Each structure stands twice: as C-alpha cells, then as structure tokens.
C-alpha cells in the first residue's frame, strides 16, 4: 500500500489543487493533482491513498467531493477529468 500524505491547511489552495495562470493560461499542477496522476499510472495491485492530514476546510474539500462519491472522478479546473480505479 502506498500513501501520499499532505497537510492541506499548510499550503495555499492553488498549490494543493493546481491553478491556471491568468496571464499565460498555463496549467500549474498542484500537489493533489500531481499525486492523482501518479496513482492512476500505478498497477492495479498497488493500493494507493491520498491522505489529507489536517483540518477539513470547505474551500478545498468541495473540489474533492467528486472523487469521494461513487464515480471516482476528479474534475480539474481545466475541464480535464482524472478517473480513479478501485486501487
């Protein structure tokens, strides 16, 4: 089992979830989104968790609601969707 641990209250929301640069329109990867991309590339026999070790903040947890329900889909601000498997 792999764990990717982050304390979401210790960093700005943009660093946590990623953000679009308003001047260049370039996407800047966040810690959770970067870890999500790593997890979906792992073999199915590797069980992975992204652990948010800290207080729950409505500002960032709302962005994760789509992953927490049955569809296992993280929708990025760019419109890209990251589909998690059961691992």
Protein backbone atom coordinates (compact mmCIF):
# COMPACT_ATOMS: atom_id res chain seq x y z
CA UNK A 1 0.00 0.00 0.00
CA UNK A 2 1.22 3.50 -0.87
CA UNK A 3 0.29 6.69 0.91
CA UNK A 4 0.64 10.24 -0.35
CA UNK A 5 0.29 12.45 2.74
CA UNK A 6 -0.34 16.18 2.61
CA UNK A 7 -1.48 18.72 5.19
CA UNK A 8 -3.94 20.84 3.18
CA UNK A 9 -4.05 23.67 5.73
CA UNK A 10 -0.30 24.21 5.50
CA UNK A 11 -0.28 25.32 1.85
CA UNK A 12 -2.39 27.64 -0.31
CA UNK A 13 -5.33 26.13 -2.21
CA UNK A 14 -3.63 26.81 -5.56
CA UNK A 15 -0.64 24.69 -4.54
CA UNK A 16 -2.93 21.97 -3.27
CA UNK A 17 -5.25 21.56 -6.26
CA UNK A 18 -3.38 23.37 -9.03
CA UNK A 19 -4.33 26.52 -10.87
CA UNK A 20 -4.49 28.18 -14.25
CA UNK A 21 -2.13 31.12 -14.74
CA UNK A 22 -4.39 34.02 -15.69
CA UNK A 23 -1.73 35.66 -17.91
CA UNK A 24 -0.32 32.69 -19.82
CA UNK A 25 -3.29 30.28 -19.48
CA UNK A 26 -0.76 27.58 -18.49
CA UNK A 27 -1.83 24.92 -16.03
CA UNK A 28 0.29 24.64 -12.86
CA UNK A 29 -0.02 21.23 -11.23
CA UNK A 30 -0.98 21.04 -7.56
CA UNK A 31 0.19 18.50 -5.01
CA UNK A 32 -3.04 16.50 -5.02
CA UNK A 33 -3.40 16.60 -8.80
CA UNK A 34 0.23 15.56 -9.27
CA UNK A 35 -0.24 12.65 -6.86
CA UNK A 36 -3.52 11.71 -8.58
CA UNK A 37 -1.68 11.41 -11.90
CA UNK A 38 0.92 9.16 -10.26
CA UNK A 39 -1.74 6.95 -8.70
CA UNK A 40 -3.69 6.33 -11.90
CA UNK A 41 -0.49 5.09 -13.56
CA UNK A 42 0.20 2.53 -10.84
CA UNK A 43 -0.60 -1.16 -11.36
CA UNK A 44 -3.99 -2.34 -10.11
CA UNK A 45 -2.34 -4.50 -7.44
CA UNK A 46 -0.91 -1.38 -5.76
CA UNK A 47 -3.40 0.16 -3.34
CA UNK A 48 -2.85 3.90 -3.01
CA UNK A 49 -4.26 6.57 -0.74
CA UNK A 50 -4.03 10.33 -0.82
CA UNK A 51 -4.20 11.25 2.86
CA UNK A 52 -5.20 14.82 3.74
CA UNK A 53 -3.79 15.01 7.25
CA UNK A 54 -5.23 18.15 8.76
CA UNK A 55 -8.39 20.09 9.41
CA UNK A 56 -11.15 19.89 6.81
CA UNK A 57 -11.66 23.20 5.05
CA UNK A 58 -14.85 23.67 3.00
CA UNK A 59 -12.86 25.65 0.42
CA UNK A 60 -10.73 22.74 -0.77
CA UNK A 61 -12.86 19.76 0.25
CA UNK A 62 -15.65 20.85 -2.13
CA UNK A 63 -13.24 20.26 -5.01
CA UNK A 64 -12.72 16.68 -3.84
CA UNK A 65 -16.41 15.76 -3.48
CA UNK A 66 -16.50 14.24 -6.96
CA UNK A 67 -13.74 11.80 -6.01
CA UNK A 68 -15.36 10.90 -2.74
CA UNK A 69 -18.62 9.71 -4.29
CA UNK A 70 -19.23 6.60 -6.38
CA UNK A 71 -17.95 7.95 -9.71
CA UNK A 72 -14.27 8.24 -8.58
CA UNK A 73 -13.74 11.17 -10.95
CA UNK A 74 -11.67 14.27 -10.18
CA UNK A 75 -12.61 17.17 -12.47
CA UNK A 76 -9.83 19.72 -12.90
CA UNK A 77 -10.42 23.47 -13.37
CA UNK A 78 -9.20 22.97 -16.96
CA UNK A 79 -12.09 20.60 -17.61
CA UNK A 80 -9.80 17.57 -17.63
CA UNK A 81 -11.09 14.57 -15.71
CA UNK A 82 -8.94 12.10 -13.81
CA UNK A 83 -10.66 8.73 -13.30
CA UNK A 84 -9.57 6.74 -10.25
CA UNK A 85 -9.81 2.97 -10.22
CA UNK A 86 -10.52 0.85 -7.15
CA UNK A 87 -6.83 0.75 -6.22
